Amino acid sequence: MKLELEIDNIDYDTLIERYLPILEEGLKKSGHPAARLLGGGMSGSMAKMFLRSLSKEKKDKLLADLFNSNKAAVIRYVQETLEKQGIQAEIVRALASE
């Protein structure tokens, strides 16, 4: 079975506020060009301003890259949630795209 979700109207400001440290680490793992800016000693407030200034398309790509670089953790979380609900299933693949 293949399940596809499409997400829109993402509150990027809240994501940036809440997950900036995770975002920075995820960007480093993914090799995203923004990682050099954020990892180069840019202050938290400057990083937030930079991220907020990106177009929706670039934010979508950034979020997809972040998801894909952390998909093992996402799969583990979904798998655990299914098990807690008593649903026997195995997640075999997860992929985000913008």
C-alpha atoms as a PDB file:
ATOM      1  CA  MET A   1       0.000   0.000   0.000  1.00  0.00           C
ATOM      2  CA  LYS A   2       1.238   3.482  -0.754  1.00  0.00           C
ATOM      3  CA  LEU A   3       0.046   6.430   1.333  1.00  0.00           C
ATOM      4  CA  GLU A   4       0.712   9.927   0.070  1.00  0.00           C
ATOM      5  CA  LEU A   5       0.184  13.121   2.055  1.00  0.00           C
ATOM      6  CA  GLU A   6       0.333  16.626   0.655  1.00  0.00           C
ATOM      7  CA  ILE A   7       0.940  19.416   3.158  1.00  0.00           C
ATOM      8  CA  ASP A   8       0.208  23.091   2.565  1.00  0.00           C
ATOM      9  CA  ASN A   9      -0.098  26.282   4.617  1.00  0.00           C
ATOM     10  CA  ILE A  10       2.883  25.358   6.774  1.00  0.00           C
ATOM     11  CA  ASP A  11       3.557  27.731   9.663  1.00  0.00           C
ATOM     12  CA  TYR A  12       7.248  28.195   8.923  1.00  0.00           C
ATOM     13  CA  ASP A  13       7.692  30.900  11.582  1.00  0.00           C
ATOM     14  CA  THR A  14       6.705  28.506  14.363  1.00  0.00           C
ATOM     15  CA  LEU A  15       8.872  25.741  12.875  1.00  0.00           C
ATOM     16  CA  ILE A  16      11.854  28.089  12.726  1.00  0.00           C
ATOM     17  CA  GLU A  17      11.286  29.287  16.297  1.00  0.00           C
ATOM     18  CA  ARG A  18      10.840  25.814  17.707  1.00  0.00           C
ATOM     19  CA  TYR A  19      13.290  23.779  15.698  1.00  0.00           C
ATOM     20  CA  LEU A  20      16.187  26.068  14.743  1.00  0.00           C
ATOM     21  CA  PRO A  21      18.879  23.920  16.474  1.00  0.00           C
ATOM     22  CA  ILE A  22      17.482  20.746  14.886  1.00  0.00           C
ATOM     23  CA  LEU A  23      17.183  22.548  11.571  1.00  0.00           C
ATOM     24  CA  GLU A  24      20.828  23.590  11.705  1.00  0.00           C
ATOM     25  CA  GLU A  25      21.941  20.024  12.448  1.00  0.00           C
ATOM     26  CA  GLY A  26      19.667  18.589   9.749  1.00  0.00           C
ATOM     27  CA  LEU A  27      21.022  21.025   7.200  1.00  0.00           C
ATOM     28  CA  LYS A  28      24.571  19.966   8.009  1.00  0.00           C
ATOM     29  CA  LYS A  29      23.627  16.304   7.515  1.00  0.00           C
ATOM     30  CA  SER A  30      21.834  16.980   4.237  1.00  0.00           C
ATOM     31  CA  GLY A  31      24.635  19.101   2.808  1.00  0.00           C
ATOM     32  CA  HIS A  32      22.156  21.902   2.067  1.00  0.00           C
ATOM     33  CA  PRO A  33      23.889  25.168   1.036  1.00  0.00           C
ATOM     34  CA  ALA A  34      22.166  27.064   3.878  1.00  0.00           C
ATOM     35  CA  ALA A  35      24.118  24.923   6.373  1.00  0.00           C
ATOM     36  CA  ARG A  36      27.291  26.887   5.611  1.00  0.00           C
ATOM     37  CA  LEU A  37      25.551  30.151   6.499  1.00  0.00           C
ATOM     38  CA  LEU A  38      23.888  28.865   9.657  1.00  0.00           C
ATOM     39  CA  GLY A  39      26.932  26.889  10.773  1.00  0.00           C
ATOM     40  CA  GLY A  40      29.335  29.747  10.125  1.00  0.00           C
ATOM     41  CA  GLY A  41      28.679  31.458  13.420  1.00  0.00           C
ATOM     42  CA  MET A  42      25.506  33.267  12.364  1.00  0.00           C
ATOM     43  CA  SER A  43      23.536  34.319  15.449  1.00  0.00           C
ATOM     44  CA  GLY A  44      20.168  32.739  16.136  1.00  0.00           C
ATOM     45  CA  SER A  45      18.288  35.935  15.338  1.00  0.00           C
ATOM     46  CA  MET A  46      20.180  36.392  12.060  1.00  0.00           C
ATOM     47  CA  ALA A  47      19.521  32.757  11.142  1.00  0.00           C
ATOM     48  CA  LYS A  48      15.805  33.231  11.803  1.00  0.00           C
ATOM     49  CA  MET A  49      15.767  36.383   9.657  1.00  0.00           C
ATOM     50  CA  PHE A  50      17.577  34.539   6.869  1.00  0.00           C
ATOM     51  CA  LEU A  51      15.182  31.572   6.976  1.00  0.00           C
ATOM     52  CA  ARG A  52      12.131  33.823   7.090  1.00  0.00           C
ATOM     53  CA  SER A  53      13.375  35.722   4.038  1.00  0.00           C
ATOM     54  CA  LEU A  54      13.423  32.602   1.863  1.00  0.00           C
ATOM     55  CA  SER A  55      10.675  32.082  -0.717  1.00  0.00           C
ATOM     56  CA  LYS A  56       7.959  29.491  -0.005  1.00  0.00           C
ATOM     57  CA  GLU A  57       9.523  27.215  -2.625  1.00  0.00           C
ATOM     58  CA  LYS A  58      12.933  27.365  -0.940  1.00  0.00           C
ATOM     59  CA  LYS A  59      11.371  26.782   2.489  1.00  0.00           C
ATOM     60  CA  ASP A  60       9.501  23.765   1.069  1.00  0.00           C
ATOM     61  CA  LYS A  61      12.752  22.373  -0.364  1.00  0.00           C
ATOM     62  CA  LEU A  62      14.554  23.007   2.912  1.00  0.00           C
ATOM     63  CA  LEU A  63      11.836  21.227   4.883  1.00  0.00           C
ATOM     64  CA  ALA A  64      11.829  18.280   2.436  1.00  0.00           C
ATOM     65  CA  ASP A  65      15.630  18.033   2.716  1.00  0.00           C
ATOM     66  CA  LEU A  66      15.382  18.131   6.491  1.00  0.00           C
ATOM     67  CA  PHE A  67      12.721  15.406   6.512  1.00  0.00           C
ATOM     68  CA  ASN A  68      14.741  13.214   4.151  1.00  0.00           C
ATOM     69  CA  SER A  69      17.921  13.597   6.181  1.00  0.00           C
ATOM     70  CA  ASN A  70      16.013  12.528   9.313  1.00  0.00           C
ATOM     71  CA  LYS A  71      13.650   9.998   7.778  1.00  0.00           C
ATOM     72  CA  ALA A  72      14.905   7.111   9.917  1.00  0.00           C
ATOM     73  CA  ALA A  73      13.702   8.944  13.032  1.00  0.00           C
ATOM     74  CA  VAL A  74      10.394   9.829  11.359  1.00  0.00           C
ATOM     75  CA  ILE A  75       9.845   6.223  10.288  1.00  0.00           C
ATOM     76  CA  ARG A  76      10.669   5.043  13.812  1.00  0.00           C
ATOM     77  CA  TYR A  77       8.151   7.532  15.277  1.00  0.00           C
ATOM     78  CA  VAL A  78       5.374   6.474  12.882  1.00  0.00           C
ATOM     79  CA  GLN A  79       6.172   2.804  13.474  1.00  0.00           C
ATOM     80  CA  GLU A  80       5.956   3.283  17.254  1.00  0.00           C
ATOM     81  CA  THR A  81       2.680   5.196  16.895  1.00  0.00           C
ATOM     82  CA  LEU A  82       1.185   2.395  14.809  1.00  0.00           C
ATOM     83  CA  GLU A  83       2.276  -0.184  17.375  1.00  0.00           C
ATOM     84  CA  LYS A  84       0.731   1.839  20.222  1.00  0.00           C
ATOM     85  CA  GLN A  85      -2.536   1.782  18.289  1.00  0.00           C
ATOM     86  CA  GLY A  86      -2.278  -1.989  17.913  1.00  0.00           C
ATOM     87  CA  ILE A  87      -1.702  -1.773  14.161  1.00  0.00           C
ATOM     88  CA  GLN A  88       0.755  -4.268  12.731  1.00  0.00           C
ATOM     89  CA  ALA A  89       2.542  -2.739   9.740  1.00  0.00           C
ATOM     90  CA  GLU A  90       6.030  -1.985   8.533  1.00  0.00           C
ATOM     91  CA  ILE A  91       7.042   1.359   7.048  1.00  0.00           C
ATOM     92  CA  VAL A  92       9.368   0.482   4.184  1.00  0.00           C
ATOM     93  CA  ARG A  93      10.009   3.890   2.634  1.00  0.00           C
ATOM     94  CA  ALA A  94       9.482   7.569   3.329  1.00  0.00           C
ATOM     95  CA  LEU A  95      10.343  10.413   1.001  1.00  0.00           C
ATOM     96  CA  ALA A  96       9.537  14.121   1.056  1.00  0.00           C
ATOM     97  CA  SER A  97       9.605  16.378  -1.983  1.00  0.00           C
ATOM     98  CA  GLU A  98       8.624  19.970  -2.482  1.00  0.00           C
END
